[in-house]
Every structure is written in C-alpha cells, then in structure tokens.
Amino acid sequence: MSKSASLVGRMKHLLDTGNGADVQFLVGGGDEKELLPAHKLILMAASDVFEAMFPFDAQNANAASSI
C-alpha cells in the first residue's frame, strides 16, 4: 500500500495498516468480537474524554507491565 504525500492520506495509511497503533479496542459482541487498533494521539486530539482518560491511565499503570 503506497503512502500519500498529504497529511490526511498519511493518517489514513496509518489507520489502514495499524502502524504506530498504541491502543486496541475490543468491539462487537458474541462471536463477532474483534480488536480495533487505534492511535492515542489521534483519539486525544479528537476527544476531551480520551484526552482526560489516557494520561490518567498512564499515571496509574501497573509498574510491572511498564517497558
């Protein structure tokens, strides 16, 4: 899949490929569940809720699971 020169095109490429995804959402129900990769930065830029949630999550993360 080729990359676009435009910012929107490059962001679509990241979405399509999952490159750089740093969070996953479990969506669906029953036997139709799937993991949907996403980028925290994009979510935080688009939503006050995600902006408030992700830093809180990082501050309270289990130290044993930190890299």
PDB file of N, CA and C in Angstrom:
ATOM      1  N   MET A   1       0.849  -1.171   0.000  1.00  0.00           N
ATOM      2  CA  MET A   1       0.000   0.000   0.000  1.00  0.00           C
ATOM      3  C   MET A   1       0.897   1.237   0.000  1.00  0.00           C
ATOM      4  N   SER A   2       0.740   2.112  -0.962  1.00  0.00           N
ATOM      5  CA  SER A   2       1.604   3.281  -1.059  1.00  0.00           C
ATOM      6  C   SER A   2       1.108   4.395  -0.143  1.00  0.00           C
ATOM      7  N   LYS A   3       2.056   5.231   0.291  1.00  0.00           N
ATOM      8  CA  LYS A   3       1.735   6.348   1.165  1.00  0.00           C
ATOM      9  C   LYS A   3       1.420   7.584   0.342  1.00  0.00           C
ATOM     10  N   SER A   4       0.523   8.386   0.818  1.00  0.00           N
ATOM     11  CA  SER A   4       0.168   9.650   0.194  1.00  0.00           C
ATOM     12  C   SER A   4       1.120  10.737   0.681  1.00  0.00           C
ATOM     13  N   ALA A   5       1.226  11.805  -0.082  1.00  0.00           N
ATOM     14  CA  ALA A   5       2.040  12.942   0.326  1.00  0.00           C
ATOM     15  C   ALA A   5       1.270  13.863   1.272  1.00  0.00           C
ATOM     16  N   SER A   6      -0.062  13.774   1.283  1.00  0.00           N
ATOM     17  CA  SER A   6      -0.856  14.663   2.135  1.00  0.00           C
ATOM     18  C   SER A   6      -0.936  14.116   3.559  1.00  0.00           C
ATOM     19  N   LEU A   7      -1.132  15.002   4.509  1.00  0.00           N
ATOM     20  CA  LEU A   7      -1.255  14.588   5.906  1.00  0.00           C
ATOM     21  C   LEU A   7      -2.453  13.665   6.098  1.00  0.00           C
ATOM     22  N   VAL A   8      -3.574  14.016   5.508  1.00  0.00           N
ATOM     23  CA  VAL A   8      -4.772  13.180   5.628  1.00  0.00           C
ATOM     24  C   VAL A   8      -4.520  11.803   5.019  1.00  0.00           C
ATOM     25  N   GLY A   9      -3.858  11.766   3.874  1.00  0.00           N
ATOM     26  CA  GLY A   9      -3.545  10.494   3.231  1.00  0.00           C
ATOM     27  C   GLY A   9      -2.615   9.640   4.069  1.00  0.00           C
ATOM     28  N   ARG A  10      -1.632  10.279   4.700  1.00  0.00           N
ATOM     29  CA  ARG A  10      -0.694   9.534   5.551  1.00  0.00           C
ATOM     30  C   ARG A  10      -1.392   9.019   6.812  1.00  0.00           C
ATOM     31  N   MET A  11      -2.305   9.820   7.354  1.00  0.00           N
ATOM     32  CA  MET A  11      -3.059   9.368   8.525  1.00  0.00           C
ATOM     33  C   MET A  11      -3.952   8.188   8.155  1.00  0.00           C
ATOM     34  N   LYS A  12      -4.562   8.230   6.986  1.00  0.00           N
ATOM     35  CA  LYS A  12      -5.377   7.104   6.517  1.00  0.00           C
ATOM     36  C   LYS A  12      -4.508   5.859   6.365  1.00  0.00           C
ATOM     37  N   HIS A  13      -3.286   6.030   5.855  1.00  0.00           N
ATOM     38  CA  HIS A  13      -2.359   4.907   5.708  1.00  0.00           C
ATOM     39  C   HIS A  13      -2.073   4.273   7.079  1.00  0.00           C
ATOM     40  N   LEU A  14      -1.830   5.107   8.101  1.00  0.00           N
ATOM     41  CA  LEU A  14      -1.583   4.581   9.447  1.00  0.00           C
ATOM     42  C   LEU A  14      -2.796   3.830   9.976  1.00  0.00           C
ATOM     43  N   LEU A  15      -3.978   4.358   9.711  1.00  0.00           N
ATOM     44  CA  LEU A  15      -5.210   3.692  10.134  1.00  0.00           C
ATOM     45  C   LEU A  15      -5.380   2.355   9.426  1.00  0.00           C
ATOM     46  N   ASP A  16      -5.161   2.350   8.114  1.00  0.00           N
ATOM     47  CA  ASP A  16      -5.338   1.123   7.322  1.00  0.00           C
ATOM     48  C   ASP A  16      -4.340   0.036   7.697  1.00  0.00           C
ATOM     49  N   THR A  17      -3.090   0.426   7.998  1.00  0.00           N
ATOM     50  CA  THR A  17      -2.046  -0.556   8.281  1.00  0.00           C
ATOM     51  C   THR A  17      -1.908  -0.883   9.763  1.00  0.00           C
ATOM     52  N   GLY A  18      -2.363   0.018  10.624  1.00  0.00           N
ATOM     53  CA  GLY A  18      -2.183  -0.176  12.060  1.00  0.00           C
ATOM     54  C   GLY A  18      -0.801   0.216  12.540  1.00  0.00           C
ATOM     55  N   ASN A  19       0.049   0.748  11.666  1.00  0.00           N
ATOM     56  CA  ASN A  19       1.391   1.180  12.064  1.00  0.00           C
ATOM     57  C   ASN A  19       1.305   2.234  13.161  1.00  0.00           C
ATOM     58  N   GLY A  20       2.062   2.044  14.216  1.00  0.00           N
ATOM     59  CA  GLY A  20       2.110   3.006  15.305  1.00  0.00           C
ATOM     60  C   GLY A  20       0.930   2.949  16.258  1.00  0.00           C
ATOM     61  N   ALA A  21       0.015   2.012  16.048  1.00  0.00           N
ATOM     62  CA  ALA A  21      -1.133   1.897  16.955  1.00  0.00           C
ATOM     63  C   ALA A  21      -0.622   1.572  18.357  1.00  0.00           C
ATOM     64  N   ASP A  22      -1.144   2.282  19.342  1.00  0.00           N
ATOM     65  CA  ASP A  22      -0.680   2.073  20.710  1.00  0.00           C
ATOM     66  C   ASP A  22      -1.814   1.774  21.691  1.00  0.00           C
ATOM     67  N   VAL A  23      -2.986   1.486  21.142  1.00  0.00           N
ATOM     68  CA  VAL A  23      -4.126   1.087  21.962  1.00  0.00           C
ATOM     69  C   VAL A  23      -5.045   0.233  21.087  1.00  0.00           C
ATOM     70  N   GLN A  24      -5.767  -0.678  21.714  1.00  0.00           N
ATOM     71  CA  GLN A  24      -6.718  -1.515  20.973  1.00  0.00           C
ATOM     72  C   GLN A  24      -8.058  -1.487  21.687  1.00  0.00           C
ATOM     73  N   PHE A  25      -9.128  -1.490  20.894  1.00  0.00           N
ATOM     74  CA  PHE A  25     -10.481  -1.567  21.425  1.00  0.00           C
ATOM     75  C   PHE A  25     -11.069  -2.911  21.043  1.00  0.00           C
ATOM     76  N   LEU A  26     -11.689  -3.569  22.009  1.00  0.00           N
ATOM     77  CA  LEU A  26     -12.412  -4.809  21.742  1.00  0.00           C
ATOM     78  C   LEU A  26     -13.834  -4.410  21.385  1.00  0.00           C
ATOM     79  N   VAL A  27     -14.222  -4.657  20.141  1.00  0.00           N
ATOM     80  CA  VAL A  27     -15.543  -4.240  19.657  1.00  0.00           C
ATOM     81  C   VAL A  27     -16.349  -5.455  19.226  1.00  0.00           C
ATOM     82  N   GLY A  28     -17.653  -5.292  19.207  1.00  0.00           N
ATOM     83  CA  GLY A  28     -18.535  -6.373  18.799  1.00  0.00           C
ATOM     84  C   GLY A  28     -19.058  -7.128  20.004  1.00  0.00           C
ATOM     85  N   GLY A  29     -19.784  -8.175  19.714  1.00  0.00           N
ATOM     86  CA  GLY A  29     -20.354  -8.984  20.773  1.00  0.00           C
ATOM     87  C   GLY A  29     -20.500 -10.419  20.329  1.00  0.00           C
ATOM     88  N   GLY A  30     -20.662 -11.293  21.287  1.00  0.00           N
ATOM     89  CA  GLY A  30     -20.820 -12.713  20.979  1.00  0.00           C
ATOM     90  C   GLY A  30     -19.617 -13.250  20.232  1.00  0.00           C
ATOM     91  N   ASP A  31     -19.880 -13.911  19.101  1.00  0.00           N
ATOM     92  CA  ASP A  31     -18.803 -14.473  18.280  1.00  0.00           C
ATOM     93  C   ASP A  31     -18.234 -13.462  17.298  1.00  0.00           C
ATOM     94  N   GLU A  32     -18.743 -12.243  17.303  1.00  0.00           N
ATOM     95  CA  GLU A  32     -18.346 -11.223  16.336  1.00  0.00           C
ATOM     96  C   GLU A  32     -17.357 -10.215  16.913  1.00  0.00           C
ATOM     97  N   LYS A  33     -16.605 -10.581  17.934  1.00  0.00           N
ATOM     98  CA  LYS A  33     -15.651  -9.665  18.557  1.00  0.00           C
ATOM     99  C   LYS A  33     -14.385  -9.551  17.714  1.00  0.00           C
ATOM    100  N   GLU A  34     -13.816  -8.331  17.697  1.00  0.00           N
ATOM    101  CA  GLU A  34     -12.526  -8.129  17.044  1.00  0.00           C
ATOM    102  C   GLU A  34     -11.790  -6.993  17.733  1.00  0.00           C
ATOM    103  N   LEU A  35     -10.461  -6.994  17.604  1.00  0.00           N
ATOM    104  CA  LEU A  35      -9.636  -5.923  18.144  1.00  0.00           C
ATOM    105  C   LEU A  35      -9.455  -4.857  17.077  1.00  0.00           C
ATOM    106  N   LEU A  36      -9.714  -3.610  17.450  1.00  0.00           N
ATOM    107  CA  LEU A  36      -9.588  -2.481  16.546  1.00  0.00           C
ATOM    108  C   LEU A  36      -8.406  -1.635  17.009  1.00  0.00           C
ATOM    109  N   PRO A  37      -7.301  -1.600  16.240  1.00  0.00           N
ATOM    110  CA  PRO A  37      -6.149  -0.798  16.641  1.00  0.00           C
ATOM    111  C   PRO A  37      -6.433   0.693  16.468  1.00  0.00           C
ATOM    112  N   ALA A  38      -5.832   1.508  17.334  1.00  0.00           N
ATOM    113  CA  ALA A  38      -6.020   2.957  17.260  1.00  0.00           C
ATOM    114  C   ALA A  38      -4.761   3.658  17.762  1.00  0.00           C
ATOM    115  N   HIS A  39      -4.737   4.963  17.566  1.00  0.00           N
ATOM    116  CA  HIS A  39      -3.612   5.803  17.964  1.00  0.00           C
ATOM    117  C   HIS A  39      -4.091   6.781  19.036  1.00  0.00           C
ATOM    118  N   LYS A  40      -3.488   6.703  20.224  1.00  0.00           N
ATOM    119  CA  LYS A  40      -3.908   7.559  21.329  1.00  0.00           C
ATOM    120  C   LYS A  40      -3.849   9.036  20.951  1.00  0.00           C
ATOM    121  N   LEU A  41      -2.815   9.450  20.252  1.00  0.00           N
ATOM    122  CA  LEU A  41      -2.663  10.857  19.895  1.00  0.00           C
ATOM    123  C   LEU A  41      -3.853  11.356  19.083  1.00  0.00           C
ATOM    124  N   ILE A  42      -4.290  10.562  18.111  1.00  0.00           N
ATOM    125  CA  ILE A  42      -5.432  10.947  17.279  1.00  0.00           C
ATOM    126  C   ILE A  42      -6.704  11.000  18.124  1.00  0.00           C
ATOM    127  N   LEU A  43      -6.896   9.996  18.976  1.00  0.00           N
ATOM    128  CA  LEU A  43      -8.080   9.963  19.833  1.00  0.00           C
ATOM    129  C   LEU A  43      -8.100  11.146  20.794  1.00  0.00           C
ATOM    130  N   MET A  44      -6.940  11.463  21.377  1.00  0.00           N
ATOM    131  CA  MET A  44      -6.852  12.579  22.311  1.00  0.00           C
ATOM    132  C   MET A  44      -7.102  13.917  21.617  1.00  0.00           C
ATOM    133  N   ALA A  45      -6.650  14.061  20.378  1.00  0.00           N
ATOM    134  CA  ALA A  45      -6.869  15.304  19.635  1.00  0.00           C
ATOM    135  C   ALA A  45      -8.342  15.486  19.283  1.00  0.00           C
ATOM    136  N   ALA A  46      -9.054  14.379  19.127  1.00  0.00           N
ATOM    137  CA  ALA A  46     -10.449  14.439  18.688  1.00  0.00           C
ATOM    138  C   ALA A  46     -11.453  14.445  19.840  1.00  0.00           C
ATOM    139  N   SER A  47     -11.020  14.084  21.051  1.00  0.00           N
ATOM    140  CA  SER A  47     -11.986  13.882  22.130  1.00  0.00           C
ATOM    141  C   SER A  47     -11.433  14.324  23.481  1.00  0.00           C
ATOM    142  N   ASP A  48     -12.166  15.201  24.161  1.00  0.00           N
ATOM    143  CA  ASP A  48     -11.785  15.609  25.510  1.00  0.00           C
ATOM    144  C   ASP A  48     -11.804  14.420  26.472  1.00  0.00           C
ATOM    145  N   VAL A  49     -12.697  13.479  26.241  1.00  0.00           N
ATOM    146  CA  VAL A  49     -12.791  12.297  27.105  1.00  0.00           C
ATOM    147  C   VAL A  49     -11.514  11.474  27.008  1.00  0.00           C
ATOM    148  N   PHE A  50     -11.050  11.190  25.779  1.00  0.00           N
ATOM    149  CA  PHE A  50      -9.815  10.422  25.621  1.00  0.00           C
ATOM    150  C   PHE A  50      -8.612  11.212  26.130  1.00  0.00           C
ATOM    151  N   GLU A  51      -8.615  12.525  25.936  1.00  0.00           N
ATOM    152  CA  GLU A  51      -7.507  13.344  26.428  1.00  0.00           C
ATOM    153  C   GLU A  51      -7.390  13.238  27.946  1.00  0.00           C
ATOM    154  N   ALA A  52      -8.518  13.223  28.620  1.00  0.00           N
ATOM    155  CA  ALA A  52      -8.511  13.093  30.076  1.00  0.00           C
ATOM    156  C   ALA A  52      -8.203  11.667  30.516  1.00  0.00           C
ATOM    157  N   MET A  53      -8.641  10.686  29.749  1.00  0.00           N
ATOM    158  CA  MET A  53      -8.516   9.289  30.143  1.00  0.00           C
ATOM    159  C   MET A  53      -7.100   8.743  29.985  1.00  0.00           C
ATOM    160  N   PHE A  54      -6.447   8.999  28.873  1.00  0.00           N
ATOM    161  CA  PHE A  54      -5.162   8.348  28.621  1.00  0.00           C
ATOM    162  C   PHE A  54      -4.053   8.777  29.575  1.00  0.00           C
ATOM    163  N   PRO A  55      -3.867  10.066  29.881  1.00  0.00           N
ATOM    164  CA  PRO A  55      -2.830  10.395  30.871  1.00  0.00           C
ATOM    165  C   PRO A  55      -3.129   9.783  32.239  1.00  0.00           C
ATOM    166  N   PHE A  56      -4.402   9.741  32.643  1.00  0.00           N
ATOM    167  CA  PHE A  56      -4.781   9.115  33.910  1.00  0.00           C
ATOM    168  C   PHE A  56      -4.407   7.645  33.893  1.00  0.00           C
ATOM    169  N   ASP A  57      -4.657   6.983  32.793  1.00  0.00           N
ATOM    170  CA  ASP A  57      -4.320   5.572  32.658  1.00  0.00           C
ATOM    171  C   ASP A  57      -2.812   5.367  32.790  1.00  0.00           C
ATOM    172  N   ALA A  58      -2.024   6.220  32.187  1.00  0.00           N
ATOM    173  CA  ALA A  58      -0.572   6.088  32.237  1.00  0.00           C
ATOM    174  C   ALA A  58      -0.053   6.306  33.656  1.00  0.00           C
ATOM    175  N   GLN A  59      -0.634   7.234  34.382  1.00  0.00           N
ATOM    176  CA  GLN A  59      -0.189   7.521  35.739  1.00  0.00           C
ATOM    177  C   GLN A  59      -0.505   6.377  36.692  1.00  0.00           C
ATOM    178  N   ASN A  60      -1.537   5.612  36.384  1.00  0.00           N
ATOM    179  CA  ASN A  60      -1.971   4.537  37.272  1.00  0.00           C
ATOM    180  C   ASN A  60      -1.650   3.147  36.737  1.00  0.00           C
ATOM    181  N   ALA A  61      -0.808   3.087  35.725  1.00  0.00           N
ATOM    182  CA  ALA A  61      -0.458   1.797  35.133  1.00  0.00           C
ATOM    183  C   ALA A  61       0.330   0.959  36.134  1.00  0.00           C
ATOM    184  N   ASN A  62       0.179  -0.336  36.027  1.00  0.00           N
ATOM    185  CA  ASN A  62       0.915  -1.272  36.863  1.00  0.00           C
ATOM    186  C   ASN A  62       2.394  -1.189  36.503  1.00  0.00           C
ATOM    187  N   ALA A  63       3.243  -0.891  37.472  1.00  0.00           N
ATOM    188  CA  ALA A  63       4.674  -0.740  37.220  1.00  0.00           C
ATOM    189  C   ALA A  63       5.280  -2.009  36.632  1.00  0.00           C
ATOM    190  N   ALA A  64       4.736  -3.164  36.959  1.00  0.00           N
ATOM    191  CA  ALA A  64       5.275  -4.425  36.453  1.00  0.00           C
ATOM    192  C   ALA A  64       5.063  -4.573  34.954  1.00  0.00           C
ATOM    193  N   SER A  65       4.082  -3.869  34.389  1.00  0.00           N
ATOM    194  CA  SER A  65       3.820  -4.005  32.963  1.00  0.00           C
ATOM    195  C   SER A  65       4.433  -2.877  32.143  1.00  0.00           C
ATOM    196  N   SER A  66       5.177  -1.976  32.797  1.00  0.00           N
ATOM    197  CA  SER A  66       5.812  -0.871  32.083  1.00  0.00           C
ATOM    198  C   SER A  66       7.055  -1.348  31.354  1.00  0.00           C
ATOM    199  N   ILE A  67       7.349  -0.696  30.227  1.00  0.00           N
ATOM    200  CA  ILE A  67       8.546  -1.049  29.446  1.00  0.00           C
ATOM    201  C   ILE A  67       9.663  -0.103  29.805  1.00  0.00           C
TER     202      ILE A  67
END
